[in-house]
Each structure stands twice: as structure tokens, then as C-alpha cells.
């Protein structure tokens, strides 16, 4: 949070942009993590299905 206040003192506009950037990067990271987890589950399920045959 200190980072935001630091930017606010100098340029509120940049602070907003920085906040949006950090927010979208965080969302992107979470989405990637979720997709990676989903993919690994799918691969695991596929492997288990193959072993059954």
C-alpha cells in the first residue's frame, strides 16, 4: 500500500494506472494458475483412463 501512497503524492493518474496494471497482472496470474491446475487434472485423468484400458 505504501507504493500507492507514494505515487499519489506525485501523480494520482500514474497511481491509478499502476494500480490497474498490478490488478490485471494479479488476475492474469490467478487465471494461469487455475488453468494450469485444470490442465494437470485433465492430464492426470487421461493417464488414469489409459491405465484402465
N, C-alpha and C. Protein backbone atom coordinates (compact mmCIF):
# COMPACT_ATOMS: atom_id res chain seq x y z
N UNK A 1 0.82 -1.21 0.00
CA UNK A 1 0.00 0.00 0.00
C UNK A 1 0.86 1.26 0.00
N UNK A 2 2.01 1.22 0.64
CA UNK A 2 2.89 2.39 0.69
C UNK A 2 3.24 2.87 -0.71
N UNK A 3 3.42 1.92 -1.61
CA UNK A 3 3.76 2.25 -3.00
C UNK A 3 2.70 3.16 -3.61
N UNK A 4 1.43 2.81 -3.39
CA UNK A 4 0.33 3.61 -3.94
C UNK A 4 0.34 5.02 -3.37
N UNK A 5 0.52 5.14 -2.06
CA UNK A 5 0.52 6.46 -1.43
C UNK A 5 1.68 7.29 -1.98
N UNK A 6 2.81 6.64 -2.18
CA UNK A 6 3.98 7.32 -2.73
C UNK A 6 3.66 7.92 -4.09
N UNK A 7 3.00 7.14 -4.94
CA UNK A 7 2.62 7.63 -6.27
C UNK A 7 1.55 8.72 -6.15
N UNK A 8 0.62 8.54 -5.22
CA UNK A 8 -0.46 9.51 -5.05
C UNK A 8 0.09 10.91 -4.77
N UNK A 9 1.15 10.98 -3.99
CA UNK A 9 1.74 12.28 -3.65
C UNK A 9 2.28 12.97 -4.90
N UNK A 10 2.78 12.19 -5.85
CA UNK A 10 3.40 12.78 -7.03
C UNK A 10 2.42 12.91 -8.19
N UNK A 11 1.74 11.82 -8.51
CA UNK A 11 0.84 11.85 -9.66
C UNK A 11 -0.28 10.83 -9.50
N UNK A 12 -1.47 11.29 -9.15
CA UNK A 12 -2.61 10.39 -8.94
C UNK A 12 -2.93 9.56 -10.18
N UNK A 13 -2.75 10.17 -11.36
CA UNK A 13 -3.06 9.48 -12.61
C UNK A 13 -2.18 8.24 -12.76
N UNK A 14 -0.89 8.41 -12.49
CA UNK A 14 0.04 7.29 -12.61
C UNK A 14 -0.30 6.22 -11.58
N UNK A 15 -0.72 6.66 -10.41
CA UNK A 15 -1.09 5.72 -9.36
C UNK A 15 -2.22 4.82 -9.83
N UNK A 16 -3.22 5.44 -10.47
CA UNK A 16 -4.36 4.67 -10.96
C UNK A 16 -3.90 3.67 -12.00
N UNK A 17 -3.04 4.10 -12.91
CA UNK A 17 -2.54 3.20 -13.95
C UNK A 17 -1.74 2.06 -13.33
N UNK A 18 -0.90 2.40 -12.37
CA UNK A 18 -0.10 1.37 -11.70
C UNK A 18 -1.01 0.37 -10.99
N UNK A 19 -2.04 0.90 -10.34
CA UNK A 19 -2.98 0.03 -9.63
C UNK A 19 -3.69 -0.91 -10.60
N UNK A 20 -4.12 -0.36 -11.74
CA UNK A 20 -4.81 -1.17 -12.75
C UNK A 20 -3.87 -2.24 -13.29
N UNK A 21 -2.63 -1.85 -13.54
CA UNK A 21 -1.64 -2.78 -14.08
C UNK A 21 -1.40 -3.92 -13.10
N UNK A 22 -1.18 -3.57 -11.84
CA UNK A 22 -0.95 -4.59 -10.81
C UNK A 22 -2.17 -5.50 -10.70
N UNK A 23 -3.35 -4.90 -10.75
CA UNK A 23 -4.60 -5.67 -10.65
C UNK A 23 -4.72 -6.66 -11.80
N UNK A 24 -4.48 -6.18 -13.03
CA UNK A 24 -4.63 -7.08 -14.19
C UNK A 24 -3.56 -8.16 -14.19
N UNK A 25 -2.35 -7.82 -13.75
CA UNK A 25 -1.30 -8.83 -13.68
C UNK A 25 -1.66 -9.90 -12.66
N UNK A 26 -2.21 -9.48 -11.53
CA UNK A 26 -2.62 -10.42 -10.50
C UNK A 26 -3.71 -11.35 -11.03
N UNK A 27 -4.69 -10.76 -11.71
CA UNK A 27 -5.78 -11.56 -12.29
C UNK A 27 -5.24 -12.56 -13.30
N UNK A 28 -4.33 -12.09 -14.13
CA UNK A 28 -3.73 -12.94 -15.15
C UNK A 28 -3.01 -14.11 -14.50
N UNK A 29 -2.25 -13.82 -13.45
CA UNK A 29 -1.51 -14.85 -12.74
C UNK A 29 -2.45 -15.89 -12.15
N UNK A 30 -3.54 -15.41 -11.53
CA UNK A 30 -4.52 -16.31 -10.93
C UNK A 30 -5.18 -17.18 -12.00
N UNK A 31 -5.49 -16.56 -13.15
CA UNK A 31 -6.11 -17.30 -14.25
C UNK A 31 -5.16 -18.39 -14.74
N UNK A 32 -3.90 -18.04 -14.91
CA UNK A 32 -2.90 -19.01 -15.37
C UNK A 32 -2.77 -20.16 -14.39
N UNK A 33 -2.75 -19.82 -13.09
CA UNK A 33 -2.64 -20.85 -12.06
C UNK A 33 -3.83 -21.79 -12.13
N UNK A 34 -5.02 -21.21 -12.25
CA UNK A 34 -6.25 -22.00 -12.31
C UNK A 34 -6.24 -22.91 -13.53
N UNK A 35 -5.82 -22.35 -14.68
CA UNK A 35 -5.80 -23.14 -15.90
C UNK A 35 -4.76 -24.25 -15.82
N UNK A 36 -3.61 -23.95 -15.24
CA UNK A 36 -2.56 -24.95 -15.09
C UNK A 36 -3.06 -26.10 -14.21
N UNK A 37 -3.77 -25.75 -13.13
CA UNK A 37 -4.31 -26.77 -12.24
C UNK A 37 -5.33 -27.63 -12.98
N UNK A 38 -6.17 -26.97 -13.78
CA UNK A 38 -7.19 -27.68 -14.55
C UNK A 38 -6.52 -28.62 -15.55
N UNK A 39 -5.51 -28.11 -16.25
CA UNK A 39 -4.81 -28.92 -17.25
C UNK A 39 -4.14 -30.13 -16.62
N UNK A 40 -3.49 -29.92 -15.48
CA UNK A 40 -2.81 -31.04 -14.83
C UNK A 40 -3.82 -32.08 -14.37
N UNK A 41 -5.00 -31.62 -13.92
CA UNK A 41 -6.07 -32.56 -13.54
C UNK A 41 -6.53 -33.36 -14.75
N UNK A 42 -6.71 -32.67 -15.88
CA UNK A 42 -7.14 -33.34 -17.11
C UNK A 42 -6.12 -34.38 -17.54
N UNK A 43 -4.84 -34.01 -17.48
CA UNK A 43 -3.78 -34.94 -17.87
C UNK A 43 -3.78 -36.16 -16.96
N UNK A 44 -3.95 -35.91 -15.67
CA UNK A 44 -3.98 -36.99 -14.69
C UNK A 44 -5.13 -37.94 -14.98
N UNK A 45 -6.31 -37.37 -15.24
CA UNK A 45 -7.49 -38.17 -15.56
C UNK A 45 -7.27 -38.99 -16.82
N UNK A 46 -6.64 -38.37 -17.82
CA UNK A 46 -6.38 -39.06 -19.08
C UNK A 46 -5.42 -40.23 -18.85
N UNK A 47 -4.39 -40.00 -18.05
CA UNK A 47 -3.43 -41.07 -17.75
C UNK A 47 -4.11 -42.22 -17.02
N UNK A 48 -4.97 -41.89 -16.06
CA UNK A 48 -5.68 -42.92 -15.32
C UNK A 48 -6.59 -43.71 -16.24
N UNK A 49 -7.25 -43.03 -17.17
CA UNK A 49 -8.13 -43.70 -18.12
C UNK A 49 -7.33 -44.64 -19.02
N UNK A 50 -6.14 -44.19 -19.44
CA UNK A 50 -5.28 -45.02 -20.29
C UNK A 50 -4.85 -46.27 -19.56
N UNK A 51 -4.53 -46.13 -18.27
CA UNK A 51 -4.05 -47.27 -17.50
C UNK A 51 -5.14 -48.31 -17.30
N UNK A 52 -6.40 -47.86 -17.28
CA UNK A 52 -7.50 -48.79 -17.07
C UNK A 52 -7.70 -49.69 -18.28
N UNK A 53 -7.36 -49.18 -19.48
CA UNK A 53 -7.56 -49.98 -20.69
C UNK A 53 -6.45 -50.97 -20.90
